[in-house]
Amino acid sequence: MTKVYRSFDEIDRDLKKLSLERQIALEELKSVKSDFEQTLRPINMLTSAFQFVSKYGILLLIKKLFR
């Protein structure tokens, strides 16, 4: 579907809007990239693994207590 413009002001307004939307999308991508990089840091990976192991260990302990 093609939009019909009646004046150059409408075109300029839409171009400015699209430019701002593009800038917002780029900033969101930067944020996602930063979050992803932090997730892949070795210390964060070790912390996640430790949390998993500790939860699994607690479950095993509870299981042995109720046998």
N, C-alpha and C. Protein backbone atom coordinates (compact mmCIF):
# COMPACT_ATOMS: atom_id res chain seq x y z
N MET A 1 0.85 -1.17 0.00
CA MET A 1 0.00 0.00 0.00
C MET A 1 0.90 1.23 0.00
N THR A 2 0.68 2.12 -0.94
CA THR A 2 1.50 3.31 -1.09
C THR A 2 0.81 4.50 -0.46
N LYS A 3 1.58 5.28 0.27
CA LYS A 3 1.03 6.46 0.89
C LYS A 3 1.13 7.63 -0.09
N VAL A 4 0.07 8.40 -0.16
CA VAL A 4 0.05 9.56 -1.06
C VAL A 4 0.28 10.82 -0.22
N TYR A 5 1.33 11.53 -0.55
CA TYR A 5 1.66 12.75 0.16
C TYR A 5 1.06 13.95 -0.55
N ARG A 6 0.60 14.91 0.24
CA ARG A 6 -0.03 16.10 -0.34
C ARG A 6 0.89 17.31 -0.28
N SER A 7 1.96 17.21 0.52
CA SER A 7 2.89 18.34 0.60
C SER A 7 4.27 17.83 1.01
N PHE A 8 5.25 18.69 0.80
CA PHE A 8 6.61 18.35 1.21
C PHE A 8 6.74 18.31 2.73
N ASP A 9 5.90 19.05 3.41
CA ASP A 9 5.93 19.03 4.88
C ASP A 9 5.60 17.63 5.41
N GLU A 10 4.64 16.96 4.79
CA GLU A 10 4.29 15.59 5.19
C GLU A 10 5.47 14.65 4.95
N ILE A 11 6.14 14.82 3.83
CA ILE A 11 7.30 13.98 3.52
C ILE A 11 8.41 14.22 4.54
N ASP A 12 8.68 15.50 4.83
CA ASP A 12 9.72 15.83 5.81
C ASP A 12 9.39 15.27 7.19
N ARG A 13 8.13 15.37 7.59
CA ARG A 13 7.72 14.85 8.89
C ARG A 13 7.93 13.34 8.96
N ASP A 14 7.53 12.62 7.91
CA ASP A 14 7.71 11.17 7.90
C ASP A 14 9.19 10.79 7.88
N LEU A 15 10.00 11.54 7.15
CA LEU A 15 11.44 11.27 7.11
C LEU A 15 12.08 11.49 8.49
N LYS A 16 11.67 12.54 9.18
CA LYS A 16 12.18 12.79 10.52
C LYS A 16 11.74 11.67 11.48
N LYS A 17 10.50 11.25 11.34
CA LYS A 17 9.97 10.18 12.19
C LYS A 17 10.76 8.89 11.96
N LEU A 18 10.99 8.55 10.70
CA LEU A 18 11.73 7.33 10.39
C LEU A 18 13.17 7.42 10.87
N SER A 19 13.76 8.59 10.78
CA SER A 19 15.12 8.79 11.26
C SER A 19 15.19 8.58 12.78
N LEU A 20 14.23 9.13 13.50
CA LEU A 20 14.20 8.94 14.95
C LEU A 20 13.97 7.48 15.33
N GLU A 21 13.09 6.80 14.60
CA GLU A 21 12.85 5.38 14.86
C GLU A 21 14.12 4.56 14.62
N ARG A 22 14.87 4.92 13.60
CA ARG A 22 16.13 4.24 13.30
C ARG A 22 17.13 4.46 14.43
N GLN A 23 17.23 5.69 14.92
CA GLN A 23 18.15 5.99 16.00
C GLN A 23 17.77 5.22 17.27
N ILE A 24 16.48 5.13 17.55
CA ILE A 24 16.01 4.37 18.71
C ILE A 24 16.38 2.90 18.57
N ALA A 25 16.17 2.34 17.37
CA ALA A 25 16.50 0.94 17.13
C ALA A 25 18.00 0.69 17.31
N LEU A 26 18.83 1.61 16.85
CA LEU A 26 20.28 1.45 17.01
C LEU A 26 20.68 1.48 18.48
N GLU A 27 20.08 2.36 19.26
CA GLU A 27 20.37 2.42 20.69
C GLU A 27 19.93 1.15 21.40
N GLU A 28 18.78 0.60 21.00
CA GLU A 28 18.32 -0.65 21.59
C GLU A 28 19.28 -1.79 21.25
N LEU A 29 19.80 -1.81 20.02
CA LEU A 29 20.77 -2.82 19.64
C LEU A 29 22.06 -2.70 20.46
N LYS A 30 22.49 -1.48 20.72
CA LYS A 30 23.68 -1.27 21.53
C LYS A 30 23.46 -1.83 22.94
N SER A 31 22.27 -1.61 23.47
CA SER A 31 21.94 -2.11 24.80
C SER A 31 21.94 -3.64 24.82
N VAL A 32 21.34 -4.25 23.82
CA VAL A 32 21.29 -5.71 23.74
C VAL A 32 22.71 -6.27 23.61
N LYS A 33 23.54 -5.62 22.80
CA LYS A 33 24.93 -6.06 22.61
C LYS A 33 25.68 -6.01 23.94
N SER A 34 25.50 -4.92 24.67
CA SER A 34 26.17 -4.77 25.95
C SER A 34 25.72 -5.86 26.94
N ASP A 35 24.42 -6.11 27.00
CA ASP A 35 23.89 -7.15 27.89
C ASP A 35 24.44 -8.53 27.50
N PHE A 36 24.51 -8.78 26.21
CA PHE A 36 25.02 -10.06 25.71
C PHE A 36 26.49 -10.23 26.06
N GLU A 37 27.27 -9.17 25.90
CA GLU A 37 28.68 -9.23 26.25
C GLU A 37 28.88 -9.49 27.74
N GLN A 38 28.08 -8.87 28.57
CA GLN A 38 28.18 -9.10 30.01
C GLN A 38 27.81 -10.53 30.37
N THR A 39 26.86 -11.09 29.66
CA THR A 39 26.45 -12.46 29.91
C THR A 39 27.57 -13.44 29.58
N LEU A 40 28.35 -13.13 28.57
CA LEU A 40 29.41 -14.03 28.13
C LEU A 40 30.72 -13.88 28.90
N ARG A 41 30.79 -12.95 29.81
CA ARG A 41 32.02 -12.80 30.61
C ARG A 41 32.22 -14.05 31.46
N PRO A 42 33.48 -14.47 31.59
CA PRO A 42 33.76 -15.72 32.34
C PRO A 42 33.23 -15.71 33.77
N ILE A 43 33.34 -14.60 34.46
CA ILE A 43 32.88 -14.55 35.85
C ILE A 43 31.37 -14.76 35.92
N ASN A 44 30.64 -14.21 34.97
CA ASN A 44 29.19 -14.40 34.95
C ASN A 44 28.83 -15.84 34.62
N MET A 45 29.62 -16.45 33.74
CA MET A 45 29.36 -17.85 33.41
C MET A 45 29.62 -18.74 34.61
N LEU A 46 30.69 -18.45 35.35
CA LEU A 46 30.99 -19.24 36.55
C LEU A 46 29.92 -19.06 37.61
N THR A 47 29.45 -17.84 37.76
CA THR A 47 28.39 -17.57 38.73
C THR A 47 27.12 -18.34 38.38
N SER A 48 26.76 -18.33 37.09
CA SER A 48 25.58 -19.06 36.65
C SER A 48 25.74 -20.56 36.89
N ALA A 49 26.92 -21.08 36.58
CA ALA A 49 27.17 -22.51 36.79
C ALA A 49 27.10 -22.84 38.28
N PHE A 50 27.68 -21.99 39.12
CA PHE A 50 27.65 -22.22 40.57
C PHE A 50 26.21 -22.21 41.09
N GLN A 51 25.41 -21.29 40.61
CA GLN A 51 24.01 -21.24 41.04
C GLN A 51 23.27 -22.51 40.64
N PHE A 52 23.53 -22.98 39.42
CA PHE A 52 22.88 -24.21 38.97
C PHE A 52 23.30 -25.40 39.83
N VAL A 53 24.60 -25.52 40.08
CA VAL A 53 25.11 -26.63 40.87
C VAL A 53 24.57 -26.58 42.30
N SER A 54 24.50 -25.38 42.86
CA SER A 54 24.01 -25.28 44.23
C SER A 54 22.52 -25.63 44.31
N LYS A 55 21.74 -25.22 43.34
CA LYS A 55 20.31 -25.59 43.34
C LYS A 55 20.15 -27.09 43.17
N TYR A 56 20.94 -27.67 42.27
CA TYR A 56 20.87 -29.11 42.05
C TYR A 56 21.30 -29.86 43.31
N GLY A 57 22.34 -29.37 43.98
CA GLY A 57 22.81 -29.99 45.22
C GLY A 57 21.77 -29.92 46.31
N ILE A 58 21.10 -28.80 46.43
CA ILE A 58 20.05 -28.66 47.45
C ILE A 58 18.91 -29.63 47.16
N LEU A 59 18.55 -29.79 45.89
CA LEU A 59 17.50 -30.74 45.54
C LEU A 59 17.92 -32.17 45.90
N LEU A 60 19.17 -32.52 45.63
CA LEU A 60 19.64 -33.86 46.00
C LEU A 60 19.63 -34.05 47.51
N LEU A 61 20.03 -33.03 48.25
CA LEU A 61 20.01 -33.11 49.71
C LEU A 61 18.60 -33.31 50.23
N ILE A 62 17.67 -32.57 49.73
CA ILE A 62 16.27 -32.71 50.15
C ILE A 62 15.75 -34.10 49.80
N LYS A 63 16.12 -34.59 48.62
CA LYS A 63 15.69 -35.91 48.20
C LYS A 63 16.21 -36.98 49.15
N LYS A 64 17.48 -36.87 49.57
CA LYS A 64 18.06 -37.85 50.50
C LYS A 64 17.44 -37.75 51.88
N LEU A 65 17.07 -36.56 52.30
CA LEU A 65 16.45 -36.39 53.62
C LEU A 65 15.08 -37.07 53.70
N PHE A 66 14.35 -37.07 52.60
CA PHE A 66 13.00 -37.61 52.61
C PHE A 66 12.94 -39.07 52.19
N ARG A 67 14.07 -39.73 52.03
CA ARG A 67 14.06 -41.17 51.71
C ARG A 67 13.96 -42.01 52.92
